[in-house]
């Protein structure tokens, strides 16, 4: 990723696609969209080197916390219903909008 805006845009697009394709896994997105992410997460590509400081997923405590299985990402992975996978994918998708102080209609991507 070249910059934060690109990472936010790719993060949003991936999780939007996953919310609309609840049977799919992240790997399916990367194959279908031929996108590349070093860490299988566009935000990790930007923030991982700095211990995730400033990452929108870290700011929202429940979004991504590798120290616990009670985070949105883990819940998305283990969800037993498509509606729950959609729910968690939408939460994760919208984290970048919250970080930018925008809503769905105001996003630039």
N, C-alpha and C. Protein backbone atom coordinates (compact mmCIF):
# COMPACT_ATOMS: atom_id res chain seq x y z
N UNK A 1 0.83 -1.18 0.00
CA UNK A 1 0.00 0.00 0.00
C UNK A 1 0.88 1.24 0.00
N UNK A 2 0.48 2.16 -0.79
CA UNK A 2 1.28 3.37 -0.91
C UNK A 2 0.98 4.38 0.19
N UNK A 3 -0.29 4.48 0.60
CA UNK A 3 -0.63 5.47 1.62
C UNK A 3 -1.88 5.03 2.37
N UNK A 4 -2.22 5.80 3.39
CA UNK A 4 -3.37 5.47 4.23
C UNK A 4 -4.67 5.45 3.44
N UNK A 5 -4.83 6.41 2.55
CA UNK A 5 -6.08 6.48 1.78
C UNK A 5 -6.27 5.22 0.94
N UNK A 6 -5.20 4.76 0.30
CA UNK A 6 -5.27 3.52 -0.48
C UNK A 6 -5.61 2.34 0.42
N UNK A 7 -4.97 2.27 1.56
CA UNK A 7 -5.22 1.15 2.49
C UNK A 7 -6.67 1.18 2.97
N UNK A 8 -7.17 2.37 3.33
CA UNK A 8 -8.55 2.49 3.79
C UNK A 8 -9.51 2.08 2.67
N UNK A 9 -9.22 2.51 1.46
CA UNK A 9 -10.10 2.18 0.34
C UNK A 9 -10.11 0.67 0.09
N UNK A 10 -8.95 0.05 0.07
CA UNK A 10 -8.88 -1.38 -0.18
C UNK A 10 -9.51 -2.18 0.97
N UNK A 11 -9.30 -1.72 2.19
CA UNK A 11 -9.93 -2.35 3.36
C UNK A 11 -11.45 -2.30 3.21
N UNK A 12 -11.96 -1.13 2.90
CA UNK A 12 -13.40 -0.96 2.75
C UNK A 12 -13.94 -1.86 1.64
N UNK A 13 -13.29 -1.87 0.51
CA UNK A 13 -13.76 -2.66 -0.62
C UNK A 13 -13.75 -4.15 -0.30
N UNK A 14 -12.69 -4.62 0.35
CA UNK A 14 -12.61 -6.04 0.68
C UNK A 14 -13.72 -6.45 1.64
N UNK A 15 -13.89 -5.68 2.72
CA UNK A 15 -14.89 -6.06 3.70
C UNK A 15 -16.31 -5.82 3.20
N UNK A 16 -16.49 -4.88 2.29
CA UNK A 16 -17.79 -4.71 1.67
C UNK A 16 -18.11 -5.94 0.83
N UNK A 17 -17.14 -6.40 0.07
CA UNK A 17 -17.32 -7.60 -0.75
C UNK A 17 -17.61 -8.81 0.15
N UNK A 18 -16.86 -8.95 1.24
CA UNK A 18 -17.08 -10.06 2.15
C UNK A 18 -18.46 -9.99 2.81
N UNK A 19 -18.94 -8.77 3.09
CA UNK A 19 -20.28 -8.65 3.69
C UNK A 19 -21.37 -9.08 2.71
N UNK A 20 -21.09 -8.93 1.42
CA UNK A 20 -22.06 -9.31 0.39
C UNK A 20 -21.86 -10.74 -0.10
N UNK A 21 -20.78 -11.36 0.33
CA UNK A 21 -20.46 -12.74 -0.03
C UNK A 21 -20.10 -13.51 1.23
N UNK A 22 -21.07 -13.74 2.11
CA UNK A 22 -20.76 -14.32 3.42
C UNK A 22 -20.20 -15.74 3.38
N UNK A 23 -20.33 -16.44 2.26
CA UNK A 23 -19.74 -17.77 2.15
C UNK A 23 -18.24 -17.69 1.92
N UNK A 24 -17.78 -16.55 1.47
CA UNK A 24 -16.38 -16.38 1.05
C UNK A 24 -15.45 -16.15 2.24
N UNK A 25 -14.18 -16.44 1.99
CA UNK A 25 -13.10 -16.15 2.94
C UNK A 25 -12.26 -15.02 2.36
N UNK A 26 -11.39 -14.44 3.18
CA UNK A 26 -10.53 -13.36 2.70
C UNK A 26 -9.70 -13.80 1.50
N UNK A 27 -9.22 -15.02 1.52
CA UNK A 27 -8.40 -15.52 0.43
C UNK A 27 -9.16 -15.46 -0.90
N UNK A 28 -10.46 -15.71 -0.85
CA UNK A 28 -11.29 -15.66 -2.06
C UNK A 28 -11.29 -14.26 -2.66
N UNK A 29 -11.29 -13.26 -1.80
CA UNK A 29 -11.26 -11.88 -2.28
C UNK A 29 -9.94 -11.61 -3.01
N UNK A 30 -8.85 -12.01 -2.40
CA UNK A 30 -7.54 -11.75 -2.99
C UNK A 30 -7.40 -12.47 -4.33
N UNK A 31 -7.93 -13.67 -4.44
CA UNK A 31 -7.87 -14.42 -5.70
C UNK A 31 -8.76 -13.77 -6.75
N UNK A 32 -10.00 -13.47 -6.37
CA UNK A 32 -10.95 -12.93 -7.33
C UNK A 32 -10.59 -11.52 -7.78
N UNK A 33 -10.14 -10.71 -6.86
CA UNK A 33 -9.84 -9.31 -7.18
C UNK A 33 -8.38 -9.10 -7.54
N UNK A 34 -7.60 -10.14 -7.49
CA UNK A 34 -6.17 -10.09 -7.77
C UNK A 34 -5.47 -8.94 -7.04
N UNK A 35 -5.84 -8.76 -5.81
CA UNK A 35 -5.19 -7.76 -4.95
C UNK A 35 -4.14 -8.47 -4.11
N UNK A 36 -3.14 -7.73 -3.69
CA UNK A 36 -2.08 -8.29 -2.88
C UNK A 36 -1.98 -7.50 -1.58
N UNK A 37 -1.89 -8.23 -0.50
CA UNK A 37 -1.68 -7.64 0.81
C UNK A 37 -0.64 -8.49 1.53
N UNK A 38 0.38 -7.86 2.01
CA UNK A 38 1.46 -8.57 2.68
C UNK A 38 0.96 -9.37 3.88
N UNK A 39 0.04 -8.82 4.63
CA UNK A 39 -0.45 -9.45 5.86
C UNK A 39 -1.88 -9.96 5.74
N UNK A 40 -2.42 -10.04 4.54
CA UNK A 40 -3.83 -10.38 4.31
C UNK A 40 -4.76 -9.36 4.95
N UNK A 41 -4.23 -8.19 5.20
CA UNK A 41 -5.02 -7.08 5.75
C UNK A 41 -4.38 -5.79 5.25
N UNK A 42 -5.14 -5.00 4.55
CA UNK A 42 -4.60 -3.77 3.98
C UNK A 42 -4.18 -2.77 5.06
N UNK A 43 -4.87 -2.78 6.19
CA UNK A 43 -4.48 -1.87 7.27
C UNK A 43 -3.20 -2.35 7.95
N UNK A 44 -3.03 -3.66 8.08
CA UNK A 44 -1.78 -4.18 8.63
C UNK A 44 -0.59 -3.79 7.76
N UNK A 45 -0.82 -3.72 6.46
CA UNK A 45 0.26 -3.32 5.57
C UNK A 45 0.80 -1.94 5.92
N UNK A 46 -0.06 -1.09 6.45
CA UNK A 46 0.33 0.27 6.83
C UNK A 46 0.82 0.35 8.28
N UNK A 47 0.11 -0.30 9.20
CA UNK A 47 0.33 -0.08 10.63
C UNK A 47 1.15 -1.14 11.35
N UNK A 48 1.32 -2.32 10.77
CA UNK A 48 1.95 -3.43 11.48
C UNK A 48 3.37 -3.08 11.95
N UNK A 49 4.12 -2.38 11.13
CA UNK A 49 5.51 -2.03 11.46
C UNK A 49 5.62 -1.16 12.71
N UNK A 50 4.53 -0.48 13.05
CA UNK A 50 4.52 0.42 14.21
C UNK A 50 3.68 -0.15 15.35
N UNK A 51 3.70 -1.49 15.47
CA UNK A 51 2.97 -2.16 16.55
C UNK A 51 1.47 -1.84 16.50
N UNK A 52 0.97 -1.58 15.31
CA UNK A 52 -0.46 -1.29 15.05
C UNK A 52 -0.93 0.04 15.61
N UNK A 53 -0.01 0.88 16.08
CA UNK A 53 -0.41 2.19 16.61
C UNK A 53 -1.06 3.02 15.51
N UNK A 54 -2.22 3.57 15.81
CA UNK A 54 -2.96 4.40 14.87
C UNK A 54 -3.90 3.63 13.97
N UNK A 55 -3.85 2.31 14.01
CA UNK A 55 -4.72 1.51 13.17
C UNK A 55 -6.17 1.66 13.62
N UNK A 56 -7.08 1.93 12.69
CA UNK A 56 -8.49 2.08 13.06
C UNK A 56 -9.04 0.82 13.74
N UNK A 57 -8.53 -0.34 13.38
CA UNK A 57 -9.00 -1.57 14.01
C UNK A 57 -8.53 -1.70 15.45
N UNK A 58 -7.39 -1.11 15.76
CA UNK A 58 -6.90 -1.15 17.14
C UNK A 58 -7.64 -0.12 17.99
N UNK A 59 -7.98 1.00 17.39
CA UNK A 59 -8.69 2.06 18.12
C UNK A 59 -10.04 1.54 18.62
N UNK A 60 -10.72 0.79 17.77
CA UNK A 60 -11.98 0.15 18.18
C UNK A 60 -11.58 -1.16 18.85
N UNK A 61 -11.65 -1.20 20.17
CA UNK A 61 -11.11 -2.32 20.95
C UNK A 61 -11.57 -3.69 20.44
N UNK A 62 -12.82 -3.80 20.09
CA UNK A 62 -13.36 -5.10 19.72
C UNK A 62 -13.03 -5.51 18.29
N UNK A 63 -12.51 -4.62 17.48
CA UNK A 63 -12.34 -4.93 16.06
C UNK A 63 -11.23 -5.94 15.81
N UNK A 64 -10.06 -5.68 16.34
CA UNK A 64 -8.92 -6.56 16.07
C UNK A 64 -8.00 -6.55 17.28
N UNK A 65 -7.98 -7.64 17.98
CA UNK A 65 -7.09 -7.76 19.12
C UNK A 65 -6.60 -9.19 19.15
N UNK A 66 -5.39 -9.42 18.69
CA UNK A 66 -4.89 -10.80 18.61
C UNK A 66 -4.74 -11.48 19.96
N UNK A 67 -4.86 -10.72 21.02
CA UNK A 67 -4.72 -11.30 22.35
C UNK A 67 -6.02 -11.94 22.85
N UNK A 68 -7.10 -11.76 22.12
CA UNK A 68 -8.38 -12.32 22.55
C UNK A 68 -9.14 -12.88 21.36
N UNK A 69 -9.95 -13.87 21.62
CA UNK A 69 -10.77 -14.42 20.55
C UNK A 69 -12.12 -13.71 20.47
N UNK A 70 -12.32 -12.75 21.37
CA UNK A 70 -13.59 -12.02 21.40
C UNK A 70 -13.45 -10.70 20.64
N UNK A 71 -12.94 -10.77 19.42
CA UNK A 71 -12.86 -9.57 18.60
C UNK A 71 -13.66 -9.80 17.32
N UNK A 72 -13.98 -8.74 16.63
CA UNK A 72 -14.85 -8.85 15.47
C UNK A 72 -14.29 -9.77 14.41
N UNK A 73 -13.00 -9.70 14.18
CA UNK A 73 -12.41 -10.53 13.14
C UNK A 73 -12.56 -12.02 13.48
N UNK A 74 -12.22 -12.38 14.69
CA UNK A 74 -12.36 -13.79 15.11
C UNK A 74 -13.82 -14.22 15.08
N UNK A 75 -14.70 -13.33 15.50
CA UNK A 75 -16.13 -13.67 15.47
C UNK A 75 -16.62 -13.87 14.04
N UNK A 76 -16.11 -13.07 13.11
CA UNK A 76 -16.46 -13.25 11.70
C UNK A 76 -15.98 -14.62 11.22
N UNK A 77 -14.76 -15.00 11.59
CA UNK A 77 -14.20 -16.27 11.14
C UNK A 77 -14.99 -17.47 11.65
N UNK A 78 -15.51 -17.40 12.87
CA UNK A 78 -16.19 -18.56 13.46
C UNK A 78 -17.71 -18.47 13.38
N UNK A 79 -18.23 -17.40 12.81
CA UNK A 79 -19.70 -17.23 12.74
C UNK A 79 -20.34 -18.44 12.07
N UNK A 80 -21.45 -18.87 12.63
CA UNK A 80 -22.12 -20.08 12.13
C UNK A 80 -23.21 -19.77 11.12
N UNK A 81 -23.59 -18.52 11.01
CA UNK A 81 -24.63 -18.16 10.05
C UNK A 81 -24.11 -17.09 9.11
N UNK A 82 -24.68 -17.07 7.93
CA UNK A 82 -24.28 -16.05 6.95
C UNK A 82 -24.65 -14.65 7.45
N UNK A 83 -25.76 -14.55 8.15
CA UNK A 83 -26.16 -13.22 8.65
C UNK A 83 -25.16 -12.70 9.68
N UNK A 84 -24.59 -13.57 10.50
CA UNK A 84 -23.58 -13.12 11.47
C UNK A 84 -22.28 -12.77 10.77
N UNK A 85 -21.91 -13.51 9.73
CA UNK A 85 -20.71 -13.16 8.97
C UNK A 85 -20.89 -11.80 8.31
N UNK A 86 -22.07 -11.56 7.77
CA UNK A 86 -22.35 -10.25 7.16
C UNK A 86 -22.28 -9.16 8.21
N UNK A 87 -22.86 -9.40 9.38
CA UNK A 87 -22.87 -8.42 10.47
C UNK A 87 -21.43 -8.02 10.85
N UNK A 88 -20.57 -9.01 11.11
CA UNK A 88 -19.20 -8.70 11.52
C UNK A 88 -18.39 -8.09 10.39
N UNK A 89 -18.61 -8.54 9.17
CA UNK A 89 -17.90 -7.94 8.02
C UNK A 89 -18.27 -6.47 7.88
N UNK A 90 -19.53 -6.13 8.09
CA UNK A 90 -19.95 -4.72 8.01
C UNK A 90 -19.33 -3.89 9.12
N UNK A 91 -19.25 -4.45 10.33
CA UNK A 91 -18.60 -3.72 11.43
C UNK A 91 -17.14 -3.43 11.10
N UNK A 92 -16.44 -4.45 10.62
CA UNK A 92 -15.03 -4.28 10.28
C UNK A 92 -14.87 -3.32 9.11
N UNK A 93 -15.73 -3.44 8.11
CA UNK A 93 -15.69 -2.54 6.94
C UNK A 93 -15.82 -1.08 7.36
N UNK A 94 -16.76 -0.81 8.25
CA UNK A 94 -17.09 0.57 8.58
C UNK A 94 -16.13 1.24 9.55
N UNK A 95 -15.18 0.50 10.09
CA UNK A 95 -14.20 1.09 11.00
C UNK A 95 -13.44 2.23 10.33
N UNK A 96 -13.10 2.09 9.05
CA UNK A 96 -12.35 3.15 8.37
C UNK A 96 -13.22 4.39 8.17
N UNK A 97 -14.51 4.22 8.03
CA UNK A 97 -15.39 5.39 7.91
C UNK A 97 -15.43 6.15 9.23
N UNK A 98 -15.48 5.42 10.33
CA UNK A 98 -15.49 6.06 11.65
C UNK A 98 -14.19 6.81 11.88
N UNK A 99 -13.08 6.22 11.48
CA UNK A 99 -11.77 6.87 11.65
C UNK A 99 -11.72 8.18 10.87
N UNK A 100 -12.35 8.20 9.70
CA UNK A 100 -12.34 9.40 8.88
C UNK A 100 -13.47 10.35 9.26
N UNK A 101 -14.33 9.96 10.20
CA UNK A 101 -15.46 10.80 10.60
C UNK A 101 -16.49 10.95 9.50
N UNK A 102 -16.68 9.90 8.71
CA UNK A 102 -17.61 9.94 7.58
C UNK A 102 -18.68 8.87 7.75
N UNK A 103 -19.71 9.00 6.94
CA UNK A 103 -20.72 7.95 6.88
C UNK A 103 -20.68 7.33 5.49
N UNK A 104 -21.53 6.35 5.26
CA UNK A 104 -21.53 5.62 3.99
C UNK A 104 -21.67 6.53 2.79
N UNK A 105 -22.53 7.53 2.86
CA UNK A 105 -22.76 8.41 1.71
C UNK A 105 -21.60 9.36 1.45
N UNK A 106 -20.79 9.63 2.46
CA UNK A 106 -19.69 10.59 2.33
C UNK A 106 -18.37 9.96 1.92
N UNK A 107 -18.31 8.64 1.87
CA UNK A 107 -17.02 8.01 1.57
C UNK A 107 -16.58 8.36 0.15
N UNK A 108 -15.30 8.38 -0.06
CA UNK A 108 -14.74 8.77 -1.34
C UNK A 108 -14.40 7.57 -2.22
N UNK A 109 -14.66 6.37 -1.74
CA UNK A 109 -14.32 5.17 -2.51
C UNK A 109 -15.48 4.21 -2.50
